[in-house]
Amino acid sequence: MAVEKTVRITSETGVHARPATALVNKAGHYSSDVRLAYNNKSVNLKSIMGVMSLGIPQDAELTIIAEGSDEVEALDAIIEVFKQEGLGE
């Protein structure tokens, strides 16, 4: 069963290339399938092009979904990147 968490983007610039790269790199450390859902679209969080294609602005609410053997660890680590990058809460 998948785990998920919703975050609100507080960064004025939204999710741009630098923090998106940090998210993709972190997601790549885990074997679980990690997805980012926003605006009725869902993309693989291990794909920088997928993440950038969402065009996530400030105040957006998005959901991170992880499913697999290390899903809880993956979700926790990605939430930590959101906080470290000042992206959201």
PDB file of N, CA and C in Angstrom:
ATOM      1  N   MET A   1       0.838  -1.191   0.000  1.00  0.00           N
ATOM      2  CA  MET A   1       0.000   0.000   0.000  1.00  0.00           C
ATOM      3  C   MET A   1       0.881   1.253   0.000  1.00  0.00           C
ATOM      4  N   ALA A   2       0.526   2.214  -0.813  1.00  0.00           N
ATOM      5  CA  ALA A   2       1.329   3.432  -0.960  1.00  0.00           C
ATOM      6  C   ALA A   2       1.150   4.361   0.241  1.00  0.00           C
ATOM      7  N   VAL A   3       2.149   5.202   0.461  1.00  0.00           N
ATOM      8  CA  VAL A   3       2.059   6.267   1.465  1.00  0.00           C
ATOM      9  C   VAL A   3       2.087   7.585   0.708  1.00  0.00           C
ATOM     10  N   GLU A   4       1.394   8.590   1.252  1.00  0.00           N
ATOM     11  CA  GLU A   4       1.393   9.879   0.565  1.00  0.00           C
ATOM     12  C   GLU A   4       1.290  11.021   1.556  1.00  0.00           C
ATOM     13  N   LYS A   5       1.700  12.183   1.091  1.00  0.00           N
ATOM     14  CA  LYS A   5       1.634  13.389   1.916  1.00  0.00           C
ATOM     15  C   LYS A   5       1.411  14.582   0.991  1.00  0.00           C
ATOM     16  N   THR A   6       0.573  15.503   1.441  1.00  0.00           N
ATOM     17  CA  THR A   6       0.316  16.719   0.672  1.00  0.00           C
ATOM     18  C   THR A   6       1.166  17.848   1.242  1.00  0.00           C
ATOM     19  N   VAL A   7       1.784  18.615   0.352  1.00  0.00           N
ATOM     20  CA  VAL A   7       2.571  19.774   0.762  1.00  0.00           C
ATOM     21  C   VAL A   7       2.079  21.011   0.014  1.00  0.00           C
ATOM     22  N   ARG A   8       2.220  22.171   0.662  1.00  0.00           N
ATOM     23  CA  ARG A   8       1.875  23.439   0.027  1.00  0.00           C
ATOM     24  C   ARG A   8       3.176  24.169  -0.273  1.00  0.00           C
ATOM     25  N   ILE A   9       3.292  24.654  -1.497  1.00  0.00           N
ATOM     26  CA  ILE A   9       4.511  25.350  -1.919  1.00  0.00           C
ATOM     27  C   ILE A   9       4.474  26.784  -1.399  1.00  0.00           C
ATOM     28  N   THR A  10       5.466  27.138  -0.597  1.00  0.00           N
ATOM     29  CA  THR A  10       5.542  28.484  -0.030  1.00  0.00           C
ATOM     30  C   THR A  10       6.596  29.344  -0.724  1.00  0.00           C
ATOM     31  N   SER A  11       7.488  28.717  -1.480  1.00  0.00           N
ATOM     32  CA  SER A  11       8.539  29.454  -2.181  1.00  0.00           C
ATOM     33  C   SER A  11       7.931  30.388  -3.226  1.00  0.00           C
ATOM     34  N   GLU A  12       8.403  31.645  -3.262  1.00  0.00           N
ATOM     35  CA  GLU A  12       7.872  32.620  -4.218  1.00  0.00           C
ATOM     36  C   GLU A  12       8.088  32.193  -5.661  1.00  0.00           C
ATOM     37  N   THR A  13       9.140  31.428  -5.904  1.00  0.00           N
ATOM     38  CA  THR A  13       9.450  31.016  -7.275  1.00  0.00           C
ATOM     39  C   THR A  13       8.864  29.657  -7.632  1.00  0.00           C
ATOM     40  N   GLY A  14       8.105  29.059  -6.704  1.00  0.00           N
ATOM     41  CA  GLY A  14       7.539  27.740  -6.979  1.00  0.00           C
ATOM     42  C   GLY A  14       8.628  26.685  -7.027  1.00  0.00           C
ATOM     43  N   VAL A  15       8.353  25.601  -7.734  1.00  0.00           N
ATOM     44  CA  VAL A  15       9.346  24.529  -7.880  1.00  0.00           C
ATOM     45  C   VAL A  15      10.087  24.778  -9.194  1.00  0.00           C
ATOM     46  N   HIS A  16      11.284  25.388  -9.087  1.00  0.00           N
ATOM     47  CA  HIS A  16      12.083  25.664 -10.280  1.00  0.00           C
ATOM     48  C   HIS A  16      13.220  24.650 -10.387  1.00  0.00           C
ATOM     49  N   ALA A  17      14.121  24.841 -11.327  1.00  0.00           N
ATOM     50  CA  ALA A  17      15.110  23.823 -11.693  1.00  0.00           C
ATOM     51  C   ALA A  17      15.995  23.347 -10.537  1.00  0.00           C
ATOM     52  N   ARG A  18      16.544  24.263  -9.726  1.00  0.00           N
ATOM     53  CA  ARG A  18      17.482  23.841  -8.681  1.00  0.00           C
ATOM     54  C   ARG A  18      16.811  22.948  -7.639  1.00  0.00           C
ATOM     55  N   PRO A  19      15.704  23.370  -7.014  1.00  0.00           N
ATOM     56  CA  PRO A  19      15.076  22.471  -6.042  1.00  0.00           C
ATOM     57  C   PRO A  19      14.476  21.225  -6.689  1.00  0.00           C
ATOM     58  N   ALA A  20      14.014  21.344  -7.924  1.00  0.00           N
ATOM     59  CA  ALA A  20      13.479  20.159  -8.614  1.00  0.00           C
ATOM     60  C   ALA A  20      14.584  19.116  -8.778  1.00  0.00           C
ATOM     61  N   THR A  21      15.794  19.571  -9.098  1.00  0.00           N
ATOM     62  CA  THR A  21      16.932  18.659  -9.237  1.00  0.00           C
ATOM     63  C   THR A  21      17.233  17.973  -7.906  1.00  0.00           C
ATOM     64  N   ALA A  22      17.171  18.722  -6.802  1.00  0.00           N
ATOM     65  CA  ALA A  22      17.413  18.134  -5.479  1.00  0.00           C
ATOM     66  C   ALA A  22      16.370  17.065  -5.167  1.00  0.00           C
ATOM     67  N   LEU A  23      15.115  17.323  -5.521  1.00  0.00           N
ATOM     68  CA  LEU A  23      14.038  16.346  -5.288  1.00  0.00           C
ATOM     69  C   LEU A  23      14.249  15.079  -6.118  1.00  0.00           C
ATOM     70  N   VAL A  24      14.571  15.272  -7.398  1.00  0.00           N
ATOM     71  CA  VAL A  24      14.794  14.134  -8.301  1.00  0.00           C
ATOM     72  C   VAL A  24      15.982  13.291  -7.816  1.00  0.00           C
ATOM     73  N   ASN A  25      17.063  13.967  -7.417  1.00  0.00           N
ATOM     74  CA  ASN A  25      18.245  13.244  -6.927  1.00  0.00           C
ATOM     75  C   ASN A  25      17.918  12.430  -5.684  1.00  0.00           C
ATOM     76  N   LYS A  26      17.149  13.012  -4.758  1.00  0.00           N
ATOM     77  CA  LYS A  26      16.786  12.296  -3.532  1.00  0.00           C
ATOM     78  C   LYS A  26      15.890  11.105  -3.858  1.00  0.00           C
ATOM     79  N   ALA A  27      14.900  11.302  -4.722  1.00  0.00           N
ATOM     80  CA  ALA A  27      13.984  10.219  -5.093  1.00  0.00           C
ATOM     81  C   ALA A  27      14.747   9.052  -5.716  1.00  0.00           C
ATOM     82  N   GLY A  28      15.818   9.376  -6.460  1.00  0.00           N
ATOM     83  CA  GLY A  28      16.618   8.355  -7.127  1.00  0.00           C
ATOM     84  C   GLY A  28      17.369   7.432  -6.182  1.00  0.00           C
ATOM     85  N   HIS A  29      17.489   7.819  -4.903  1.00  0.00           N
ATOM     86  CA  HIS A  29      18.177   6.974  -3.929  1.00  0.00           C
ATOM     87  C   HIS A  29      17.316   5.805  -3.445  1.00  0.00           C
ATOM     88  N   TYR A  30      16.052   5.792  -3.810  1.00  0.00           N
ATOM     89  CA  TYR A  30      15.120   4.784  -3.282  1.00  0.00           C
ATOM     90  C   TYR A  30      14.592   3.904  -4.397  1.00  0.00           C
ATOM     91  N   SER A  31      14.299   2.646  -4.047  1.00  0.00           N
ATOM     92  CA  SER A  31      13.788   1.714  -5.053  1.00  0.00           C
ATOM     93  C   SER A  31      12.291   1.874  -5.270  1.00  0.00           C
ATOM     94  N   SER A  32      11.604   2.502  -4.316  1.00  0.00           N
ATOM     95  CA  SER A  32      10.164   2.687  -4.444  1.00  0.00           C
ATOM     96  C   SER A  32       9.810   3.569  -5.637  1.00  0.00           C
ATOM     97  N   ASP A  33       8.601   3.380  -6.141  1.00  0.00           N
ATOM     98  CA  ASP A  33       8.037   4.259  -7.157  1.00  0.00           C
ATOM     99  C   ASP A  33       7.609   5.530  -6.426  1.00  0.00           C
ATOM    100  N   VAL A  34       8.158   6.675  -6.827  1.00  0.00           N
ATOM    101  CA  VAL A  34       7.824   7.939  -6.163  1.00  0.00           C
ATOM    102  C   VAL A  34       7.233   8.875  -7.208  1.00  0.00           C
ATOM    103  N   ARG A  35       6.009   9.359  -6.932  1.00  0.00           N
ATOM    104  CA  ARG A  35       5.305  10.204  -7.882  1.00  0.00           C
ATOM    105  C   ARG A  35       4.927  11.540  -7.251  1.00  0.00           C
ATOM    106  N   LEU A  36       4.796  12.528  -8.099  1.00  0.00           N
ATOM    107  CA  LEU A  36       4.378  13.856  -7.684  1.00  0.00           C
ATOM    108  C   LEU A  36       3.080  14.149  -8.426  1.00  0.00           C
ATOM    109  N   ALA A  37       2.017  14.453  -7.669  1.00  0.00           N
ATOM    110  CA  ALA A  37       0.716  14.721  -8.285  1.00  0.00           C
ATOM    111  C   ALA A  37       0.340  16.180  -8.051  1.00  0.00           C
ATOM    112  N   TYR A  38      -0.041  16.850  -9.141  1.00  0.00           N
ATOM    113  CA  TYR A  38      -0.451  18.249  -9.066  1.00  0.00           C
ATOM    114  C   TYR A  38      -1.398  18.543 -10.228  1.00  0.00           C
ATOM    115  N   ASN A  39      -2.490  19.221  -9.917  1.00  0.00           N
ATOM    116  CA  ASN A  39      -3.393  19.691 -10.965  1.00  0.00           C
ATOM    117  C   ASN A  39      -3.891  18.548 -11.857  1.00  0.00           C
ATOM    118  N   ASN A  40      -4.288  17.441 -11.244  1.00  0.00           N
ATOM    119  CA  ASN A  40      -4.801  16.257 -11.949  1.00  0.00           C
ATOM    120  C   ASN A  40      -3.784  15.570 -12.852  1.00  0.00           C
ATOM    121  N   LYS A  41      -2.493  15.854 -12.626  1.00  0.00           N
ATOM    122  CA  LYS A  41      -1.430  15.161 -13.366  1.00  0.00           C
ATOM    123  C   LYS A  41      -0.517  14.491 -12.354  1.00  0.00           C
ATOM    124  N   SER A  42       0.060  13.375 -12.738  1.00  0.00           N
ATOM    125  CA  SER A  42       0.996  12.669 -11.873  1.00  0.00           C
ATOM    126  C   SER A  42       2.236  12.327 -12.689  1.00  0.00           C
ATOM    127  N   VAL A  43       3.421  12.659 -12.133  1.00  0.00           N
ATOM    128  CA  VAL A  43       4.671  12.374 -12.840  1.00  0.00           C
ATOM    129  C   VAL A  43       5.631  11.610 -11.931  1.00  0.00           C
ATOM    130  N   ASN A  44       6.562  10.919 -12.548  1.00  0.00           N
ATOM    131  CA  ASN A  44       7.606  10.202 -11.826  1.00  0.00           C
ATOM    132  C   ASN A  44       8.552  11.234 -11.211  1.00  0.00           C
ATOM    133  N   LEU A  45       8.717  11.188  -9.895  1.00  0.00           N
ATOM    134  CA  LEU A  45       9.585  12.166  -9.223  1.00  0.00           C
ATOM    135  C   LEU A  45      11.065  11.894  -9.511  1.00  0.00           C
ATOM    136  N   LYS A  46      11.368  10.815 -10.204  1.00  0.00           N
ATOM    137  CA  LYS A  46      12.756  10.536 -10.577  1.00  0.00           C
ATOM    138  C   LYS A  46      13.083  11.125 -11.958  1.00  0.00           C
ATOM    139  N   SER A  47      12.126  11.857 -12.549  1.00  0.00           N
ATOM    140  CA  SER A  47      12.308  12.459 -13.875  1.00  0.00           C
ATOM    141  C   SER A  47      12.277  13.983 -13.773  1.00  0.00           C
ATOM    142  N   ILE A  48      13.411  14.632 -14.029  1.00  0.00           N
ATOM    143  CA  ILE A  48      13.467  16.088 -13.953  1.00  0.00           C
ATOM    144  C   ILE A  48      12.520  16.716 -14.975  1.00  0.00           C
ATOM    145  N   MET A  49      12.426  16.140 -16.161  1.00  0.00           N
ATOM    146  CA  MET A  49      11.528  16.695 -17.180  1.00  0.00           C
ATOM    147  C   MET A  49      10.075  16.580 -16.740  1.00  0.00           C
ATOM    148  N   GLY A  50       9.750  15.457 -16.115  1.00  0.00           N
ATOM    149  CA  GLY A  50       8.385  15.276 -15.610  1.00  0.00           C
ATOM    150  C   GLY A  50       8.033  16.316 -14.563  1.00  0.00           C
ATOM    151  N   VAL A  51       8.940  16.518 -13.603  1.00  0.00           N
ATOM    152  CA  VAL A  51       8.697  17.478 -12.524  1.00  0.00           C
ATOM    153  C   VAL A  51       8.571  18.888 -13.094  1.00  0.00           C
ATOM    154  N   MET A  52       9.477  19.269 -13.990  1.00  0.00           N
ATOM    155  CA  MET A  52       9.450  20.616 -14.564  1.00  0.00           C
ATOM    156  C   MET A  52       8.195  20.830 -15.422  1.00  0.00           C
ATOM    157  N   SER A  53       7.698  19.762 -16.043  1.00  0.00           N
ATOM    158  CA  SER A  53       6.522  19.885 -16.917  1.00  0.00           C
ATOM    159  C   SER A  53       5.266  20.293 -16.148  1.00  0.00           C
ATOM    160  N   LEU A  54       5.274  20.090 -14.833  1.00  0.00           N
ATOM    161  CA  LEU A  54       4.101  20.451 -14.033  1.00  0.00           C
ATOM    162  C   LEU A  54       3.982  21.960 -13.821  1.00  0.00           C
ATOM    163  N   GLY A  55       5.089  22.693 -13.913  1.00  0.00           N
ATOM    164  CA  GLY A  55       5.064  24.147 -13.741  1.00  0.00           C
ATOM    165  C   GLY A  55       4.434  24.558 -12.414  1.00  0.00           C
ATOM    166  N   ILE A  56       4.962  24.047 -11.304  1.00  0.00           N
ATOM    167  CA  ILE A  56       4.330  24.231  -9.998  1.00  0.00           C
ATOM    168  C   ILE A  56       4.623  25.626  -9.431  1.00  0.00           C
ATOM    169  N   PRO A  57       3.575  26.452  -9.240  1.00  0.00           N
ATOM    170  CA  PRO A  57       3.757  27.814  -8.724  1.00  0.00           C
ATOM    171  C   PRO A  57       3.661  27.896  -7.197  1.00  0.00           C
ATOM    172  N   GLN A  58       3.926  29.085  -6.675  1.00  0.00           N
ATOM    173  CA  GLN A  58       3.733  29.340  -5.239  1.00  0.00           C
ATOM    174  C   GLN A  58       2.266  29.098  -4.887  1.00  0.00           C
ATOM    175  N   ASP A  59       2.025  28.628  -3.664  1.00  0.00           N
ATOM    176  CA  ASP A  59       0.698  28.334  -3.116  1.00  0.00           C
ATOM    177  C   ASP A  59       0.041  27.089  -3.705  1.00  0.00           C
ATOM    178  N   ALA A  60       0.735  26.382  -4.588  1.00  0.00           N
ATOM    179  CA  ALA A  60       0.188  25.139  -5.128  1.00  0.00           C
ATOM    180  C   ALA A  60       0.182  24.077  -4.030  1.00  0.00           C
ATOM    181  N   GLU A  61      -0.807  23.193  -4.080  1.00  0.00           N
ATOM    182  CA  GLU A  61      -0.821  22.028  -3.188  1.00  0.00           C
ATOM    183  C   GLU A  61      -0.547  20.822  -4.055  1.00  0.00           C
ATOM    184  N   LEU A  62       0.442  20.037  -3.652  1.00  0.00           N
ATOM    185  CA  LEU A  62       0.761  18.842  -4.416  1.00  0.00           C
ATOM    186  C   LEU A  62       0.913  17.661  -3.481  1.00  0.00           C
ATOM    187  N   THR A  63       0.789  16.490  -4.058  1.00  0.00           N
ATOM    188  CA  THR A  63       0.849  15.268  -3.269  1.00  0.00           C
ATOM    189  C   THR A  63       2.033  14.438  -3.724  1.00  0.00           C
ATOM    190  N   ILE A  64       2.801  13.968  -2.743  1.00  0.00           N
ATOM    191  CA  ILE A  64       3.915  13.067  -3.013  1.00  0.00           C
ATOM    192  C   ILE A  64       3.427  11.668  -2.639  1.00  0.00           C
ATOM    193  N   ILE A  65       3.577  10.728  -3.561  1.00  0.00           N
ATOM    194  CA  ILE A  65       3.119   9.363  -3.340  1.00  0.00           C
ATOM    195  C   ILE A  65       4.307   8.424  -3.526  1.00  0.00           C
ATOM    196  N   ALA A  66       4.546   7.577  -2.533  1.00  0.00           N
ATOM    197  CA  ALA A  66       5.630   6.599  -2.635  1.00  0.00           C
ATOM    198  C   ALA A  66       5.043   5.207  -2.439  1.00  0.00           C
ATOM    199  N   GLU A  67       5.492   4.272  -3.266  1.00  0.00           N
ATOM    200  CA  GLU A  67       5.012   2.900  -3.154  1.00  0.00           C
ATOM    201  C   GLU A  67       6.154   1.948  -3.445  1.00  0.00           C
ATOM    202  N   GLY A  68       6.430   1.059  -2.485  1.00  0.00           N
ATOM    203  CA  GLY A  68       7.496   0.088  -2.669  1.00  0.00           C
ATOM    204  C   GLY A  68       8.111  -0.313  -1.341  1.00  0.00           C
ATOM    205  N   SER A  69       9.222  -1.018  -1.413  1.00  0.00           N
ATOM    206  CA  SER A  69       9.830  -1.611  -0.215  1.00  0.00           C
ATOM    207  C   SER A  69      10.364  -0.572   0.770  1.00  0.00           C
ATOM    208  N   ASP A  70      10.757   0.609   0.270  1.00  0.00           N
ATOM    209  CA  ASP A  70      11.297   1.645   1.163  1.00  0.00           C
ATOM    210  C   ASP A  70      10.466   2.929   1.068  1.00  0.00           C
ATOM    211  N   GLU A  71       9.149   2.759   0.878  1.00  0.00           N
ATOM    212  CA  GLU A  71       8.257   3.904   0.638  1.00  0.00           C
ATOM    213  C   GLU A  71       8.237   4.927   1.767  1.00  0.00           C
ATOM    214  N   VAL A  72       8.239   4.472   3.020  1.00  0.00           N
ATOM    215  CA  VAL A  72       8.168   5.401   4.159  1.00  0.00           C
ATOM    216  C   VAL A  72       9.448   6.231   4.232  1.00  0.00           C
ATOM    217  N   GLU A  73      10.600   5.573   4.077  1.00  0.00           N
ATOM    218  CA  GLU A  73      11.880   6.277   4.108  1.00  0.00           C
ATOM    219  C   GLU A  73      11.968   7.274   2.950  1.00  0.00           C
ATOM    220  N   ALA A  74      11.517   6.858   1.769  1.00  0.00           N
ATOM    221  CA  ALA A  74      11.561   7.730   0.599  1.00  0.00           C
ATOM    222  C   ALA A  74      10.692   8.965   0.819  1.00  0.00           C
ATOM    223  N   LEU A  75       9.485   8.766   1.304  1.00  0.00           N
ATOM    224  CA  LEU A  75       8.574   9.892   1.536  1.00  0.00           C
ATOM    225  C   LEU A  75       9.156  10.853   2.564  1.00  0.00           C
ATOM    226  N   ASP A  76       9.669  10.320   3.673  1.00  0.00           N
ATOM    227  CA  ASP A  76      10.252  11.170   4.720  1.00  0.00           C
ATOM    228  C   ASP A  76      11.431  11.986   4.176  1.00  0.00           C
ATOM    229  N   ALA A  77      12.287  11.340   3.380  1.00  0.00           N
ATOM    230  CA  ALA A  77      13.466  12.013   2.842  1.00  0.00           C
ATOM    231  C   ALA A  77      13.077  13.125   1.865  1.00  0.00           C
ATOM    232  N   ILE A  78      12.055  12.893   1.064  1.00  0.00           N
ATOM    233  CA  ILE A  78      11.622  13.892   0.087  1.00  0.00           C
ATOM    234  C   ILE A  78      10.966  15.079   0.791  1.00  0.00           C
ATOM    235  N   ILE A  79      10.190  14.816   1.825  1.00  0.00           N
ATOM    236  CA  ILE A  79       9.601  15.900   2.624  1.00  0.00           C
ATOM    237  C   ILE A  79      10.726  16.748   3.236  1.00  0.00           C
ATOM    238  N   GLU A  80      11.789  16.088   3.678  1.00  0.00           N
ATOM    239  CA  GLU A  80      12.934  16.806   4.259  1.00  0.00           C
ATOM    240  C   GLU A  80      13.578  17.727   3.213  1.00  0.00           C
ATOM    241  N   VAL A  81      13.677  17.271   1.957  1.00  0.00           N
ATOM    242  CA  VAL A  81      14.229  18.107   0.890  1.00  0.00           C
ATOM    243  C   VAL A  81      13.338  19.330   0.664  1.00  0.00           C
ATOM    244  N   PHE A  82      12.020  19.135   0.695  1.00  0.00           N
ATOM    245  CA  PHE A  82      11.109  20.281   0.554  1.00  0.00           C
ATOM    246  C   PHE A  82      11.420  21.338   1.608  1.00  0.00           C
ATOM    247  N   LYS A  83      11.655  20.893   2.848  1.00  0.00           N
ATOM    248  CA  LYS A  83      11.956  21.829   3.934  1.00  0.00           C
ATOM    249  C   LYS A  83      13.335  22.467   3.756  1.00  0.00           C
ATOM    250  N   GLN A  84      14.347  21.645   3.439  1.00  0.00           N
ATOM    251  CA  GLN A  84      15.718  22.158   3.271  1.00  0.00           C
ATOM    252  C   GLN A  84      15.805  23.187   2.146  1.00  0.00           C
ATOM    253  N   GLU A  85      15.063  22.954   1.075  1.00  0.00           N
ATOM    254  CA  GLU A  85      15.116  23.847  -0.087  1.00  0.00           C
ATOM    255  C   GLU A  85      14.212  25.061   0.092  1.00  0.00           C
ATOM    256  N   GLY A  86      13.479  25.120   1.202  1.00  0.00           N
ATOM    257  CA  GLY A  86      12.581  26.239   1.425  1.00  0.00           C
ATOM    258  C   GLY A  86      11.403  26.267   0.481  1.00  0.00           C
ATOM    259  N   LEU A  87      11.026  25.074  -0.003  1.00  0.00           N
ATOM    260  CA  LEU A  87       9.951  24.976  -0.983  1.00  0.00           C
ATOM    261  C   LEU A  87       8.565  25.043  -0.380  1.00  0.00           C
ATOM    262  N   GLY A  88       8.393  24.358   0.759  1.00  0.00           N
ATOM    263  CA  GLY A  88       7.041  24.278   1.287  1.00  0.00           C
ATOM    264  C   GLY A  88       6.975  23.580   2.610  1.00  0.00           C
ATOM    265  N   GLU A  89       5.735  23.289   2.996  1.00  0.00           N
ATOM    266  CA  GLU A  89       5.499  22.705   4.310  1.00  0.00           C
ATOM    267  C   GLU A  89       4.427  21.636   4.221  1.00  0.00           C
TER     268      GLU A  89
END
